[in-house]
Amino acid sequence: MPRSVNHVASRAKRKRILKLTRGYYGARKNVWTVAKNTWEKGLTYAFRDRRNKKRSFRALWIQRINAAARLEGLSYSRLMGGLRNAGIEINRKVLADLAMNHPEAFKAVVAKIK
């Protein structure tokens, strides 16, 4: 009996992955083994960087809060300690947004601490 290989399914799988690697440079976009490795490594980077993105944004928020706090005569750590002592529960994302887009509201928050 002849061997059954199901070319339809295997070709469809290859086409799907080659479609995902469109736009890559050289053999990474059209040579099956290279494209598959590139695509798999891309998934690894995506998984890792979904977590790193959270770190990066938190660092950005802290820098923005620190810059705004220093304009008000406080350091970042004193500001955050003051918020905790005053019982003001506001996260860094919102605080950074206030510092950037609503400086008068940020000043009001700092006034509560002082």
N, C-alpha and C. Protein backbone atom coordinates (compact mmCIF):
# COMPACT_ATOMS: atom_id res chain seq x y z
N MET A 1 0.84 -1.18 0.00
CA MET A 1 0.00 0.00 0.00
C MET A 1 0.89 1.25 0.00
N PRO A 2 0.56 2.24 -0.81
CA PRO A 2 1.39 3.46 -0.86
C PRO A 2 1.28 4.28 0.44
N ARG A 3 2.33 5.03 0.68
CA ARG A 3 2.38 5.84 1.90
C ARG A 3 1.48 7.06 1.76
N SER A 4 0.77 7.40 2.82
CA SER A 4 -0.09 8.58 2.82
C SER A 4 0.62 9.71 3.55
N VAL A 5 0.73 10.88 2.90
CA VAL A 5 1.50 11.97 3.51
C VAL A 5 0.68 13.23 3.77
N ASN A 6 -0.48 13.37 3.15
CA ASN A 6 -1.33 14.54 3.34
C ASN A 6 -0.60 15.85 3.02
N HIS A 7 -0.27 16.01 1.75
CA HIS A 7 0.41 17.23 1.30
C HIS A 7 -0.42 18.47 1.52
N VAL A 8 -1.73 18.35 1.49
CA VAL A 8 -2.60 19.51 1.63
C VAL A 8 -2.39 20.17 2.99
N ALA A 9 -2.40 19.39 4.05
CA ALA A 9 -2.26 19.93 5.40
C ALA A 9 -0.86 20.49 5.64
N SER A 10 0.17 19.76 5.19
CA SER A 10 1.54 20.21 5.44
C SER A 10 1.84 21.49 4.65
N ARG A 11 1.33 21.57 3.42
CA ARG A 11 1.52 22.78 2.61
C ARG A 11 0.78 23.97 3.23
N ALA A 12 -0.42 23.71 3.75
CA ALA A 12 -1.19 24.78 4.38
C ALA A 12 -0.47 25.31 5.62
N LYS A 13 0.13 24.41 6.39
CA LYS A 13 0.87 24.82 7.59
C LYS A 13 2.06 25.68 7.20
N ARG A 14 2.79 25.24 6.16
CA ARG A 14 3.95 26.01 5.70
C ARG A 14 3.53 27.39 5.20
N LYS A 15 2.45 27.41 4.42
CA LYS A 15 1.98 28.69 3.88
C LYS A 15 1.58 29.65 4.99
N ARG A 16 0.96 29.10 6.02
CA ARG A 16 0.52 29.95 7.14
C ARG A 16 1.71 30.61 7.83
N ILE A 17 2.76 29.83 8.08
CA ILE A 17 3.93 30.38 8.76
C ILE A 17 4.72 31.31 7.83
N LEU A 18 4.82 30.97 6.54
CA LEU A 18 5.51 31.85 5.60
C LEU A 18 4.78 33.17 5.45
N LYS A 19 3.46 33.14 5.58
CA LYS A 19 2.68 34.37 5.52
C LYS A 19 2.99 35.26 6.74
N LEU A 20 3.20 34.62 7.89
CA LEU A 20 3.52 35.37 9.11
C LEU A 20 4.92 35.98 9.08
N THR A 21 5.81 35.43 8.25
CA THR A 21 7.19 35.95 8.18
C THR A 21 7.38 36.91 7.02
N ARG A 22 6.30 37.34 6.38
CA ARG A 22 6.42 38.34 5.31
C ARG A 22 7.04 39.61 5.86
N GLY A 23 7.92 40.23 5.08
CA GLY A 23 8.54 41.46 5.53
C GLY A 23 9.89 41.25 6.18
N TYR A 24 10.26 40.01 6.49
CA TYR A 24 11.57 39.74 7.07
C TYR A 24 12.62 39.81 5.96
N TYR A 25 13.88 39.90 6.35
CA TYR A 25 14.97 40.09 5.40
C TYR A 25 15.51 38.75 4.90
N GLY A 26 15.77 38.68 3.59
CA GLY A 26 16.44 37.54 2.98
C GLY A 26 15.70 36.22 3.14
N ALA A 27 16.46 35.18 3.48
CA ALA A 27 15.90 33.83 3.58
C ALA A 27 14.91 33.69 4.72
N ARG A 28 14.92 34.64 5.64
CA ARG A 28 14.02 34.56 6.80
C ARG A 28 12.55 34.62 6.39
N LYS A 29 12.29 35.10 5.17
CA LYS A 29 10.90 35.22 4.75
C LYS A 29 10.44 34.11 3.81
N ASN A 30 11.37 33.40 3.15
CA ASN A 30 10.90 32.45 2.13
C ASN A 30 11.52 31.05 2.18
N VAL A 31 12.52 30.82 3.00
CA VAL A 31 13.08 29.48 3.15
C VAL A 31 12.43 28.86 4.39
N TRP A 32 11.77 27.73 4.19
CA TRP A 32 10.91 27.17 5.22
C TRP A 32 11.59 27.01 6.57
N THR A 33 12.78 26.35 6.61
CA THR A 33 13.40 26.06 7.91
C THR A 33 13.83 27.36 8.60
N VAL A 34 14.39 28.28 7.84
CA VAL A 34 14.85 29.55 8.41
C VAL A 34 13.65 30.37 8.88
N ALA A 35 12.60 30.41 8.05
CA ALA A 35 11.40 31.18 8.39
C ALA A 35 10.73 30.62 9.65
N LYS A 36 10.69 29.29 9.76
CA LYS A 36 10.06 28.67 10.93
C LYS A 36 10.83 29.02 12.20
N ASN A 37 12.16 28.95 12.14
CA ASN A 37 12.99 29.30 13.30
C ASN A 37 12.81 30.76 13.68
N THR A 38 12.76 31.63 12.68
CA THR A 38 12.59 33.06 12.92
C THR A 38 11.24 33.33 13.58
N TRP A 39 10.21 32.69 13.08
CA TRP A 39 8.85 32.86 13.62
C TRP A 39 8.78 32.38 15.07
N GLU A 40 9.38 31.20 15.33
CA GLU A 40 9.37 30.67 16.70
C GLU A 40 10.12 31.60 17.66
N LYS A 41 11.26 32.12 17.21
CA LYS A 41 12.03 33.03 18.06
C LYS A 41 11.26 34.32 18.28
N GLY A 42 10.53 34.75 17.26
CA GLY A 42 9.68 35.94 17.40
C GLY A 42 8.62 35.77 18.47
N LEU A 43 8.05 34.56 18.55
CA LEU A 43 7.07 34.28 19.59
C LEU A 43 7.70 34.36 20.98
N THR A 44 8.95 33.91 21.09
CA THR A 44 9.67 33.98 22.36
C THR A 44 9.88 35.43 22.77
N TYR A 45 10.31 36.26 21.80
CA TYR A 45 10.52 37.68 22.08
C TYR A 45 9.21 38.34 22.49
N ALA A 46 8.13 37.98 21.81
CA ALA A 46 6.83 38.58 22.11
C ALA A 46 6.41 38.25 23.54
N PHE A 47 6.60 36.99 23.95
CA PHE A 47 6.25 36.56 25.30
C PHE A 47 7.07 37.33 26.33
N ARG A 48 8.38 37.42 26.08
CA ARG A 48 9.28 38.12 27.01
C ARG A 48 8.93 39.60 27.10
N ASP A 49 8.70 40.22 25.94
CA ASP A 49 8.53 41.67 25.92
C ASP A 49 7.15 42.12 26.37
N ARG A 50 6.18 41.23 26.40
CA ARG A 50 4.90 41.60 27.01
C ARG A 50 5.12 41.88 28.50
N ARG A 51 6.04 41.18 29.12
CA ARG A 51 6.37 41.42 30.52
C ARG A 51 7.29 42.63 30.67
N ASN A 52 8.27 42.77 29.78
CA ASN A 52 9.20 43.90 29.85
C ASN A 52 8.50 45.23 29.63
N LYS A 53 7.42 45.20 28.83
CA LYS A 53 6.68 46.43 28.55
C LYS A 53 6.11 47.01 29.85
N LYS A 54 5.64 46.16 30.72
CA LYS A 54 5.09 46.61 32.00
C LYS A 54 6.18 47.28 32.83
N ARG A 55 7.39 46.69 32.83
CA ARG A 55 8.53 47.27 33.54
C ARG A 55 8.89 48.63 32.98
N SER A 56 8.94 48.70 31.65
CA SER A 56 9.35 49.95 30.99
C SER A 56 8.37 51.08 31.29
N PHE A 57 7.08 50.77 31.24
CA PHE A 57 6.09 51.80 31.51
C PHE A 57 6.15 52.26 32.96
N ARG A 58 6.34 51.33 33.89
CA ARG A 58 6.44 51.72 35.30
C ARG A 58 7.63 52.65 35.50
N ALA A 59 8.76 52.33 34.87
CA ALA A 59 9.95 53.19 34.97
C ALA A 59 9.68 54.58 34.40
N LEU A 60 8.97 54.64 33.28
CA LEU A 60 8.62 55.92 32.67
C LEU A 60 7.73 56.75 33.59
N TRP A 61 6.71 56.08 34.19
CA TRP A 61 5.81 56.79 35.10
C TRP A 61 6.59 57.35 36.29
N ILE A 62 7.52 56.57 36.82
CA ILE A 62 8.31 57.01 37.97
C ILE A 62 9.15 58.23 37.60
N GLN A 63 9.76 58.22 36.41
CA GLN A 63 10.57 59.36 35.97
C GLN A 63 9.72 60.62 35.84
N ARG A 64 8.52 60.47 35.29
CA ARG A 64 7.63 61.63 35.12
C ARG A 64 7.17 62.17 36.46
N ILE A 65 6.82 61.28 37.38
CA ILE A 65 6.38 61.71 38.71
C ILE A 65 7.53 62.40 39.43
N ASN A 66 8.72 61.86 39.33
CA ASN A 66 9.89 62.43 39.98
C ASN A 66 10.17 63.84 39.46
N ALA A 67 10.10 64.00 38.14
CA ALA A 67 10.36 65.32 37.54
C ALA A 67 9.34 66.35 38.04
N ALA A 68 8.06 65.95 38.07
CA ALA A 68 7.01 66.87 38.52
C ALA A 68 7.14 67.14 40.02
N ALA A 69 7.51 66.13 40.79
CA ALA A 69 7.65 66.30 42.23
C ALA A 69 8.78 67.26 42.55
N ARG A 70 9.87 67.17 41.81
CA ARG A 70 11.02 68.05 42.05
C ARG A 70 10.68 69.51 41.74
N LEU A 71 9.77 69.73 40.78
CA LEU A 71 9.31 71.10 40.52
C LEU A 71 8.53 71.65 41.72
N GLU A 72 7.95 70.74 42.50
CA GLU A 72 7.18 71.12 43.69
C GLU A 72 8.04 71.10 44.96
N GLY A 73 9.34 70.81 44.79
CA GLY A 73 10.25 70.82 45.93
C GLY A 73 10.28 69.53 46.73
N LEU A 74 9.87 68.43 46.15
CA LEU A 74 9.89 67.11 46.80
C LEU A 74 10.68 66.14 45.95
N SER A 75 11.21 65.09 46.59
CA SER A 75 11.78 63.99 45.81
C SER A 75 10.67 62.97 45.56
N TYR A 76 10.94 62.03 44.68
CA TYR A 76 9.96 60.99 44.37
C TYR A 76 9.63 60.17 45.62
N SER A 77 10.66 59.77 46.35
CA SER A 77 10.43 58.90 47.51
C SER A 77 9.64 59.63 48.60
N ARG A 78 9.93 60.90 48.80
CA ARG A 78 9.18 61.67 49.81
C ARG A 78 7.73 61.85 49.38
N LEU A 79 7.52 62.05 48.09
CA LEU A 79 6.15 62.18 47.56
C LEU A 79 5.37 60.90 47.79
N MET A 80 5.96 59.75 47.42
CA MET A 80 5.26 58.48 47.56
C MET A 80 5.04 58.13 49.04
N GLY A 81 6.01 58.45 49.89
CA GLY A 81 5.84 58.23 51.33
C GLY A 81 4.73 59.11 51.88
N GLY A 82 4.68 60.35 51.43
CA GLY A 82 3.64 61.27 51.86
C GLY A 82 2.26 60.82 51.43
N LEU A 83 2.17 60.28 50.20
CA LEU A 83 0.88 59.77 49.71
C LEU A 83 0.40 58.62 50.61
N ARG A 84 1.32 57.74 50.96
CA ARG A 84 0.95 56.59 51.80
C ARG A 84 0.51 57.06 53.19
N ASN A 85 1.26 58.01 53.76
CA ASN A 85 0.93 58.50 55.10
C ASN A 85 -0.40 59.26 55.12
N ALA A 86 -0.69 59.96 54.02
CA ALA A 86 -1.94 60.73 53.93
C ALA A 86 -3.13 59.84 53.60
N GLY A 87 -2.85 58.59 53.26
CA GLY A 87 -3.93 57.65 52.92
C GLY A 87 -4.52 57.88 51.55
N ILE A 88 -3.73 58.50 50.66
CA ILE A 88 -4.19 58.75 49.28
C ILE A 88 -3.77 57.57 48.43
N GLU A 89 -4.74 56.81 47.96
CA GLU A 89 -4.45 55.63 47.14
C GLU A 89 -4.61 56.00 45.67
N ILE A 90 -3.49 56.35 45.05
CA ILE A 90 -3.49 56.71 43.62
C ILE A 90 -2.28 56.02 43.00
N ASN A 91 -2.51 55.33 41.89
CA ASN A 91 -1.40 54.55 41.33
C ASN A 91 -0.48 55.42 40.48
N ARG A 92 0.68 54.88 40.15
CA ARG A 92 1.71 55.63 39.45
C ARG A 92 1.26 56.04 38.04
N LYS A 93 0.48 55.20 37.40
CA LYS A 93 0.01 55.51 36.04
C LYS A 93 -0.83 56.79 36.05
N VAL A 94 -1.77 56.87 36.98
CA VAL A 94 -2.65 58.03 37.07
C VAL A 94 -1.87 59.25 37.53
N LEU A 95 -0.97 59.06 38.48
CA LEU A 95 -0.17 60.15 39.01
C LEU A 95 0.72 60.75 37.91
N ALA A 96 1.30 59.89 37.08
CA ALA A 96 2.13 60.36 35.96
C ALA A 96 1.29 61.12 34.95
N ASP A 97 0.07 60.64 34.71
CA ASP A 97 -0.83 61.34 33.78
C ASP A 97 -1.19 62.71 34.32
N LEU A 98 -1.46 62.80 35.62
CA LEU A 98 -1.75 64.10 36.24
C LEU A 98 -0.55 65.04 36.10
N ALA A 99 0.65 64.50 36.36
CA ALA A 99 1.86 65.31 36.29
C ALA A 99 2.10 65.86 34.88
N MET A 100 1.78 65.05 33.87
CA MET A 100 2.02 65.47 32.48
C MET A 100 0.92 66.38 31.95
N ASN A 101 -0.34 65.97 32.13
CA ASN A 101 -1.45 66.62 31.43
C ASN A 101 -2.27 67.57 32.29
N HIS A 102 -2.21 67.41 33.62
CA HIS A 102 -3.00 68.24 34.52
C HIS A 102 -2.13 68.70 35.69
N PRO A 103 -1.18 69.62 35.43
CA PRO A 103 -0.24 70.01 36.49
C PRO A 103 -0.93 70.64 37.71
N GLU A 104 -2.06 71.34 37.49
CA GLU A 104 -2.75 71.96 38.63
C GLU A 104 -3.34 70.89 39.56
N ALA A 105 -3.83 69.80 38.99
CA ALA A 105 -4.35 68.69 39.80
C ALA A 105 -3.21 68.01 40.56
N PHE A 106 -2.05 67.90 39.91
CA PHE A 106 -0.88 67.30 40.57
C PHE A 106 -0.45 68.18 41.74
N LYS A 107 -0.47 69.50 41.54
CA LYS A 107 -0.12 70.43 42.61
C LYS A 107 -1.08 70.29 43.79
N ALA A 108 -2.36 70.06 43.50
CA ALA A 108 -3.36 69.87 44.55
C ALA A 108 -3.05 68.62 45.37
N VAL A 109 -2.63 67.55 44.68
CA VAL A 109 -2.26 66.31 45.38
C VAL A 109 -1.05 66.55 46.28
N VAL A 110 -0.05 67.29 45.75
CA VAL A 110 1.15 67.59 46.52
C VAL A 110 0.81 68.47 47.72
N ALA A 111 -0.13 69.41 47.53
CA ALA A 111 -0.55 70.28 48.62
C ALA A 111 -1.17 69.49 49.77
N LYS A 112 -1.91 68.44 49.46
CA LYS A 112 -2.50 67.58 50.49
C LYS A 112 -1.42 66.91 51.33
N ILE A 113 -0.31 66.57 50.69
CA ILE A 113 0.78 65.89 51.38
C ILE A 113 1.52 66.86 52.29
N LYS A 114 1.79 68.04 51.77
CA LYS A 114 2.53 69.05 52.54
C LYS A 114 1.63 69.55 53.67
